[in-house]
Amino acid sequence: MQKYKITVLVPYERDTAPGQRFRWEQWIAHLEAKGLSVDLLPFSTPSIGAARRKGARLRSAFLFARRYLPWLFEVFRAARRSDLVVVFRNAALTGPPLVEAILAAFKKPLVYDLDDAIYRSPDSEDNFWRRLVRCDWRCGFIGARSVLVGVGSPNLGDYMRSFSDNVVLWPTTVDTGRFDVREQPDETAIPVIGWTGSHSTAHYLKVILPALGSLQRECPFDVLIIGAEVDLGAHGLTGRCVPWSAGTEIELTKRIDIGLMPLADTEWARGKCAFKAIQYLAFGTPAVVSDVGMNRDVVLDGETGYLVEPGGDWAPALRKLLSDRALRQEMGRKGRAHVVENYSAAVVAEKVARDLRRVLEVSRQDHRSKPA
């Protein structure tokens, strides 16, 4: 088997960003087993990450500027030793695709991978200056200069085919060995309806809190929110919000009996990779999700959970699951099997390896055919 060396440029430090963790960080071991040596090169550092989490904009900008030039040298040194460079989302945290343009100009084979509609403004608060700094146009620019584009959802693929003829679907995945089936709680335990995410996606959850409050007054259940702080009491809800951490993620998510993934029907949301739903199903937990984008591929309506029309009533689906423990277990069992077959790290990384080897072989043949 021909061995290849790949450099993957990622914006965030390791083990901090879900998309990065459940794509390239998780795929490395599987790719190396297929003869692809992977070097992950983040732009962000712990100090930059800490400043960004605190909202310290001036310090973030200072640290960004100080990091940029040394990082450029790291990138080009790594690229020289590599057969191929992968860019996940964008090589740097923000700004124009400078390093991507330089690599393409020097004919270094590029692969572009994205897991969100980052060519659009997010559904959360946004403004002109953020869009200007973010350079949303970079996706098309990088895609047009790449030998292969990987996308986390079909909607992203539809967009990127405007710039590339070589677009492949790479779903975001879970390690189904670590994300194993949870133990079923005692029959007398009150069911837990839960949501996992971040502050940036909590606005989707807030829309359905009034419906959850009304439902809780007629059916007993607890609410568990992981990774964001929302005002449950304002809607008469009993439950708790807990911070996310890599160390407690699995333990906390396993406490959920019914998982939620509400979304708006927007271009940004349609580009999402349904990862919350994949997580729930991996644990054998049924999911109730908005009928938007890739959610309908992950959650098979009536089999592994329920789809709810955007703006629709969440109560009927939740009521069914709350009242029927056997139904929750059966849907959870089917959901787990669906994830193992289609969204496990081992299965998807094997496809990623095949696709990367294919473009590497083509690039190698093209290089050999060039006149000396």
Protein backbone atom coordinates (compact mmCIF):
# COMPACT_ATOMS: atom_id res chain seq x y z
CA MET A 1 0.00 0.00 0.00
CA GLN A 2 1.37 3.40 -1.04
CA LYS A 3 1.97 5.64 2.00
CA TYR A 4 1.01 9.31 1.87
CA LYS A 5 1.49 12.26 4.20
CA ILE A 6 -1.38 14.69 4.75
CA THR A 7 -1.46 18.01 6.61
CA VAL A 8 -4.89 19.06 7.92
CA LEU A 9 -5.24 22.78 8.65
CA VAL A 10 -7.88 23.38 11.33
CA PRO A 11 -8.97 26.67 12.92
CA TYR A 12 -9.30 25.57 16.55
CA GLU A 13 -7.05 23.97 19.14
CA ARG A 14 -7.63 20.27 19.73
CA ASP A 15 -10.57 18.94 21.71
CA THR A 16 -12.47 22.24 21.84
CA ALA A 17 -14.73 22.50 18.76
CA PRO A 18 -17.39 19.83 18.08
CA GLY A 19 -17.19 19.85 14.29
CA GLN A 20 -13.43 19.48 14.34
CA ARG A 21 -13.48 16.88 17.15
CA PHE A 22 -16.05 14.68 15.45
CA ARG A 23 -14.50 14.92 12.02
CA TRP A 24 -10.73 15.15 11.58
CA GLU A 25 -9.62 14.66 15.17
CA GLN A 26 -11.72 11.51 15.33
CA TRP A 27 -10.75 10.22 11.89
CA ILE A 28 -6.97 10.43 12.30
CA ALA A 29 -6.44 6.95 13.76
CA HIS A 30 -8.65 5.35 11.09
CA LEU A 31 -6.89 7.22 8.25
CA GLU A 32 -3.45 6.24 9.53
CA ALA A 33 -4.57 2.60 9.56
CA LYS A 34 -5.21 3.07 5.81
CA GLY A 35 -1.67 4.31 5.13
CA LEU A 36 -2.40 8.05 5.39
CA SER A 37 -0.10 9.77 7.89
CA VAL A 38 -1.99 12.80 9.24
CA ASP A 39 -0.51 15.95 10.79
CA LEU A 40 -3.18 18.18 12.39
CA LEU A 41 -2.11 21.85 12.43
CA PRO A 42 -4.40 24.22 14.38
CA PHE A 43 -4.34 28.01 14.00
CA SER A 44 -5.77 28.80 17.43
CA THR A 45 -3.79 28.38 20.64
CA PRO A 46 -5.01 27.95 24.23
CA SER A 47 -4.43 31.67 24.88
CA ILE A 48 -6.40 32.70 21.78
CA GLY A 49 -9.16 30.26 22.68
CA ALA A 50 -9.38 31.60 26.24
CA ALA A 51 -9.57 35.20 25.01
CA ARG A 52 -12.31 34.36 22.51
CA ARG A 53 -14.38 32.50 25.11
CA LYS A 54 -14.16 35.52 27.43
CA GLY A 55 -15.22 37.86 24.61
CA ALA A 56 -11.96 39.84 24.94
CA ARG A 57 -11.95 41.19 21.39
CA LEU A 58 -8.89 43.44 21.58
CA ARG A 59 -6.78 40.72 23.19
CA SER A 60 -8.07 38.18 20.67
CA ALA A 61 -7.10 40.49 17.79
CA PHE A 62 -3.64 41.06 19.28
CA LEU A 63 -3.02 37.35 19.81
CA PHE A 64 -4.37 36.58 16.31
CA ALA A 65 -1.94 39.06 14.72
CA ARG A 66 0.99 37.74 16.77
CA ARG A 67 0.18 34.15 15.83
CA TYR A 68 -0.27 34.69 12.09
CA LEU A 69 3.31 34.96 10.79
CA PRO A 70 4.79 32.05 12.83
CA TRP A 71 1.77 29.97 11.83
CA LEU A 72 2.40 30.75 8.13
CA PHE A 73 5.91 29.35 8.44
CA GLU A 74 4.51 26.25 10.18
CA VAL A 75 1.97 25.76 7.40
CA PHE A 76 4.44 26.04 4.52
CA ARG A 77 7.02 23.86 6.27
CA ALA A 78 4.34 21.18 6.81
CA ALA A 79 2.97 21.58 3.27
CA ARG A 80 6.42 21.02 1.76
CA ARG A 81 6.62 17.66 3.50
CA SER A 82 3.06 16.66 2.59
CA ASP A 83 1.50 15.08 -0.46
CA LEU A 84 -1.79 16.88 0.13
CA VAL A 85 -3.21 19.64 2.35
CA VAL A 86 -6.73 19.51 3.79
CA VAL A 87 -8.43 22.74 4.91
CA PHE A 88 -11.25 22.28 7.42
CA ARG A 89 -13.68 25.24 7.26
CA ASN A 90 -10.85 27.79 6.90
CA ALA A 91 -7.16 27.57 7.68
CA ALA A 92 -7.19 30.54 10.05
CA LEU A 93 -9.96 31.46 12.45
CA THR A 94 -11.25 34.26 10.25
CA GLY A 95 -10.23 36.65 7.50
CA PRO A 96 -9.47 36.09 3.82
CA PRO A 97 -8.17 32.72 2.55
CA LEU A 98 -4.61 33.94 2.14
CA VAL A 99 -2.78 30.72 2.93
CA GLU A 100 -5.18 28.71 0.75
CA ALA A 101 -4.54 31.05 -2.18
CA ILE A 102 -0.77 30.74 -1.79
CA LEU A 103 -0.88 26.95 -1.56
CA ALA A 104 -3.07 26.76 -4.66
CA ALA A 105 -0.75 29.14 -6.54
CA PHE A 106 2.15 26.78 -5.81
CA LYS A 107 0.07 23.85 -7.11
CA LYS A 108 -0.15 22.05 -3.78
CA PRO A 109 -3.17 19.68 -4.00
CA LEU A 110 -5.90 21.03 -1.70
CA VAL A 111 -8.93 19.29 -0.23
CA TYR A 112 -11.61 21.48 1.32
CA ASP A 113 -13.98 20.23 4.04
CA LEU A 114 -16.88 22.07 5.66
CA ASP A 115 -19.60 21.08 8.10
CA ASP A 116 -21.71 24.26 8.27
CA ALA A 117 -23.13 26.80 5.83
CA ILE A 118 -20.32 29.21 6.68
CA TYR A 119 -20.87 30.95 3.34
CA ARG A 120 -24.04 32.38 4.97
CA SER A 121 -24.55 34.54 8.03
CA PRO A 122 -25.50 32.51 11.12
CA ASP A 123 -29.09 32.62 12.34
CA SER A 124 -27.86 34.13 15.62
CA GLU A 125 -27.01 37.82 15.95
CA ASP A 126 -24.85 39.10 13.10
CA ASN A 127 -23.76 42.42 11.61
CA PHE A 128 -21.95 43.95 8.64
CA TRP A 129 -18.56 44.15 10.36
CA ARG A 130 -18.62 40.52 11.39
CA ARG A 131 -19.45 39.51 7.83
CA LEU A 132 -16.64 41.70 6.50
CA VAL A 133 -14.02 40.17 8.81
CA ARG A 134 -15.38 36.65 8.37
CA CYS A 135 -15.08 36.74 4.55
CA ASP A 136 -18.05 34.44 3.83
CA TRP A 137 -17.01 34.31 0.16
CA ARG A 138 -13.95 32.24 1.08
CA CYS A 139 -15.88 28.94 0.76
CA GLY A 140 -16.40 29.32 -2.97
CA PHE A 141 -12.86 30.63 -3.41
CA ILE A 142 -11.27 27.64 -1.66
CA GLY A 143 -13.65 25.12 -3.21
CA ALA A 144 -12.85 26.29 -6.74
CA ARG A 145 -9.12 25.73 -6.08
CA SER A 146 -9.48 22.30 -4.47
CA VAL A 147 -9.11 18.89 -6.07
CA LEU A 148 -11.86 17.56 -3.78
CA VAL A 149 -14.54 19.08 -1.53
CA GLY A 150 -15.96 17.14 1.41
CA VAL A 151 -19.26 18.26 2.94
CA GLY A 152 -21.11 17.21 6.07
CA SER A 153 -24.63 17.44 4.61
CA PRO A 154 -26.35 17.22 1.21
CA ASN A 155 -27.39 20.89 1.36
CA LEU A 156 -23.76 21.95 1.65
CA GLY A 157 -22.97 19.73 -1.32
CA ASP A 158 -25.63 21.44 -3.45
CA TYR A 159 -23.97 24.79 -2.77
CA MET A 160 -20.36 23.69 -3.26
CA ARG A 161 -21.11 22.05 -6.62
CA SER A 162 -21.33 25.60 -7.99
CA PHE A 163 -17.56 25.76 -7.50
CA SER A 164 -16.31 22.17 -7.79
CA ASP A 165 -17.13 19.12 -9.90
CA ASN A 166 -15.68 16.80 -7.25
CA VAL A 167 -17.90 17.05 -4.14
CA VAL A 168 -18.40 14.11 -1.75
CA LEU A 169 -20.55 13.62 1.36
CA TRP A 170 -18.64 12.98 4.60
CA PRO A 171 -21.13 12.99 7.50
CA THR A 172 -19.99 14.10 10.93
CA THR A 173 -19.49 10.97 13.00
CA VAL A 174 -19.29 9.46 16.47
CA ASP A 175 -16.94 6.85 17.82
CA THR A 176 -19.56 4.18 18.49
CA GLY A 177 -17.09 2.34 20.72
CA ARG A 178 -16.97 5.28 23.15
CA PHE A 179 -20.53 6.43 22.46
CA ASP A 180 -22.02 3.12 23.51
CA VAL A 181 -25.61 2.21 24.39
CA ARG A 182 -26.62 3.65 27.73
CA GLU A 183 -28.12 1.59 30.52
CA GLN A 184 -31.88 1.96 30.74
CA PRO A 185 -32.99 3.82 33.89
CA ASP A 186 -35.23 2.23 36.49
CA GLU A 187 -38.89 1.94 35.44
CA THR A 188 -39.89 4.30 38.23
CA ALA A 189 -37.46 7.05 37.13
CA ILE A 190 -38.95 10.25 35.73
CA PRO A 191 -38.01 10.59 32.03
CA VAL A 192 -35.49 13.24 31.04
CA ILE A 193 -35.97 15.39 27.94
CA GLY A 194 -32.60 16.85 26.98
CA TRP A 195 -30.66 19.03 24.61
CA THR A 196 -26.91 19.36 24.06
CA GLY A 197 -25.24 22.22 22.24
CA SER A 198 -23.64 25.61 22.74
CA HIS A 199 -24.61 29.19 23.39
CA SER A 200 -24.58 29.88 19.63
CA THR A 201 -27.36 27.35 18.95
CA ALA A 202 -29.43 27.85 22.12
CA HIS A 203 -31.73 30.34 20.35
CA TYR A 204 -33.30 27.40 18.49
CA LEU A 205 -34.06 25.69 21.80
CA LYS A 206 -35.58 28.82 23.35
CA VAL A 207 -38.35 28.84 20.73
CA ILE A 208 -39.81 25.55 22.02
CA LEU A 209 -39.40 26.20 25.77
CA PRO A 210 -42.99 27.51 26.13
CA ALA A 211 -44.32 24.26 24.61
CA LEU A 212 -42.14 22.23 26.98
CA GLY A 213 -43.44 24.25 29.91
CA SER A 214 -47.06 23.53 28.98
CA LEU A 215 -46.29 19.84 28.47
CA GLN A 216 -44.52 19.51 31.80
CA ARG A 217 -47.68 20.68 33.55
CA GLU A 218 -49.53 17.64 32.21
CA CYS A 219 -46.74 14.99 32.00
CA PRO A 220 -43.95 14.41 34.53
CA PHE A 221 -40.42 14.80 33.12
CA ASP A 222 -37.19 16.62 33.90
CA VAL A 223 -35.23 18.86 31.56
CA LEU A 224 -31.45 18.65 31.08
CA ILE A 225 -29.67 21.32 29.03
CA ILE A 226 -25.97 20.64 28.33
CA GLY A 227 -23.66 23.40 27.14
CA ALA A 228 -25.85 26.50 27.37
CA GLU A 229 -27.61 28.55 30.03
CA VAL A 230 -31.31 29.18 29.38
CA ASP A 231 -33.99 30.49 31.73
CA LEU A 232 -36.07 27.39 32.39
CA GLY A 233 -37.92 28.99 35.30
CA ALA A 234 -39.35 31.71 33.07
CA HIS A 235 -41.39 28.99 31.33
CA GLY A 236 -42.28 27.11 34.49
CA LEU A 237 -39.88 24.29 33.66
CA THR A 238 -38.19 22.06 36.20
CA GLY A 239 -34.69 20.99 35.23
CA ARG A 240 -31.12 22.16 35.09
CA CYS A 241 -28.49 23.62 32.78
CA VAL A 242 -24.97 22.24 33.05
CA PRO A 243 -21.76 23.34 31.30
CA TRP A 244 -20.29 21.17 28.58
CA SER A 245 -16.89 19.56 28.94
CA ALA A 246 -15.19 16.78 26.99
CA GLY A 247 -14.75 14.84 30.22
CA THR A 248 -18.45 14.80 31.18
CA GLU A 249 -20.04 14.87 27.72
CA ILE A 250 -20.78 11.14 27.48
CA GLU A 251 -21.92 10.70 31.08
CA LEU A 252 -24.32 13.64 30.90
CA THR A 253 -25.78 12.87 27.47
CA LYS A 254 -26.50 9.30 28.57
CA ARG A 255 -28.94 10.68 31.15
CA ILE A 256 -31.25 11.89 28.39
CA ASP A 257 -34.27 9.68 27.57
CA ILE A 258 -35.56 11.84 24.69
CA GLY A 259 -33.22 14.11 22.73
CA LEU A 260 -34.21 17.41 21.14
CA MET A 261 -32.88 19.19 18.07
CA PRO A 262 -35.06 22.16 17.09
CA LEU A 263 -33.98 24.26 14.10
CA ALA A 264 -35.36 27.10 12.01
CA ASP A 265 -36.01 26.50 8.31
CA THR A 266 -33.18 28.73 7.06
CA GLU A 267 -30.28 28.28 4.68
CA TRP A 268 -27.87 28.25 7.63
CA ALA A 269 -29.83 25.59 9.53
CA ARG A 270 -30.39 23.45 6.41
CA GLY A 271 -26.61 23.16 6.09
CA LYS A 272 -26.22 21.60 9.53
CA CYS A 273 -25.07 18.00 9.87
CA ALA A 274 -27.71 16.78 12.39
CA PHE A 275 -24.97 15.97 14.85
CA LYS A 276 -27.07 16.40 17.98
CA ALA A 277 -29.45 13.76 16.62
CA ILE A 278 -26.54 11.45 15.74
CA GLN A 279 -25.26 11.73 19.31
CA TYR A 280 -28.62 10.88 20.86
CA LEU A 281 -29.21 7.90 18.59
CA ALA A 282 -25.68 6.58 19.20
CA PHE A 283 -26.60 6.17 22.86
CA GLY A 284 -29.85 4.40 21.99
CA THR A 285 -31.93 7.50 22.76
CA PRO A 286 -34.81 8.47 20.42
CA ALA A 287 -34.75 12.00 19.05
CA VAL A 288 -37.44 14.55 18.28
CA VAL A 289 -36.08 17.04 15.76
CA SER A 290 -37.15 19.73 13.32
CA ASP A 291 -37.91 18.46 9.83
CA VAL A 292 -35.06 20.51 8.35
CA GLY A 293 -32.07 19.55 6.22
CA MET A 294 -30.08 16.47 7.18
CA ASN A 295 -32.25 15.84 10.26
CA ARG A 296 -34.62 13.89 8.04
CA ASP A 297 -31.79 11.57 6.93
CA VAL A 298 -30.64 10.83 10.48
CA VAL A 299 -34.00 10.61 12.24
CA LEU A 300 -36.29 8.17 10.43
CA ASP A 301 -39.74 9.48 11.29
CA GLY A 302 -41.68 6.99 13.41
CA GLU A 303 -38.72 4.58 13.56
CA THR A 304 -35.83 6.26 15.38
CA GLY A 305 -37.72 9.33 16.57
CA TYR A 306 -40.04 11.97 15.18
CA LEU A 307 -39.78 14.89 12.79
CA VAL A 308 -41.64 18.09 13.63
CA GLU A 309 -42.45 20.67 10.96
CA PRO A 310 -40.76 24.04 11.57
CA GLY A 311 -43.19 26.08 13.65
CA GLY A 312 -45.19 22.91 14.40
CA ASP A 313 -46.41 21.43 17.66
CA TRP A 314 -43.78 19.41 19.54
CA ALA A 315 -46.19 18.12 22.18
CA PRO A 316 -47.76 15.12 20.33
CA ALA A 317 -44.40 13.43 19.57
CA LEU A 318 -43.04 14.07 23.03
CA ARG A 319 -46.27 12.91 24.65
CA LYS A 320 -46.06 9.58 22.79
CA LEU A 321 -42.51 8.94 23.91
CA LEU A 322 -43.06 10.08 27.48
CA SER A 323 -46.01 7.74 27.91
CA ASP A 324 -44.43 4.64 26.34
CA ARG A 325 -41.14 3.37 27.76
CA ALA A 326 -41.11 0.35 25.42
CA LEU A 327 -41.48 2.67 22.41
CA ARG A 328 -38.50 4.73 23.58
CA GLN A 329 -36.39 1.59 23.90
CA GLU A 330 -37.41 0.23 20.48
CA MET A 331 -36.75 3.53 18.71
CA GLY A 332 -33.46 3.84 20.55
CA ARG A 333 -32.40 0.36 19.45
CA LYS A 334 -33.17 1.15 15.80
CA GLY A 335 -31.49 4.53 16.10
CA ARG A 336 -28.30 2.99 17.43
CA ALA A 337 -28.20 0.49 14.53
CA HIS A 338 -28.78 3.34 12.05
CA VAL A 339 -25.85 5.32 13.44
CA VAL A 340 -23.49 2.33 13.58
CA GLU A 341 -24.20 1.58 9.93
CA ASN A 342 -24.09 5.12 8.54
CA TYR A 343 -22.50 7.61 10.96
CA SER A 344 -19.80 5.76 12.88
CA ALA A 345 -16.24 7.10 12.68
CA ALA A 346 -14.89 3.81 11.37
CA VAL A 347 -17.38 3.59 8.48
CA VAL A 348 -17.15 7.20 7.33
CA ALA A 349 -13.36 7.45 7.79
CA GLU A 350 -12.96 4.46 5.48
CA LYS A 351 -14.80 6.40 2.77
CA VAL A 352 -12.72 9.52 3.51
CA ALA A 353 -9.55 7.43 3.12
CA ARG A 354 -10.73 6.04 -0.23
CA ASP A 355 -11.60 9.50 -1.53
CA LEU A 356 -8.29 10.99 -0.42
CA ARG A 357 -6.28 8.12 -1.91
CA ARG A 358 -8.18 8.54 -5.18
CA VAL A 359 -7.21 12.22 -5.57
CA LEU A 360 -3.67 11.49 -4.38
CA GLU A 361 -3.23 8.81 -7.06
CA VAL A 362 -4.57 11.18 -9.74
CA SER A 363 -2.23 13.94 -8.55
CA ARG A 364 0.70 11.54 -8.57
CA GLN A 365 -0.06 10.39 -12.12
CA ASP A 366 -0.41 14.00 -13.31
CA HIS A 367 2.95 14.85 -11.77
CA ARG A 368 4.62 11.88 -13.51
CA SER A 369 3.11 12.82 -16.89
CA LYS A 370 4.49 16.38 -16.82
CA PRO A 371 7.52 16.88 -19.10
CA ALA A 372 10.85 17.19 -17.30
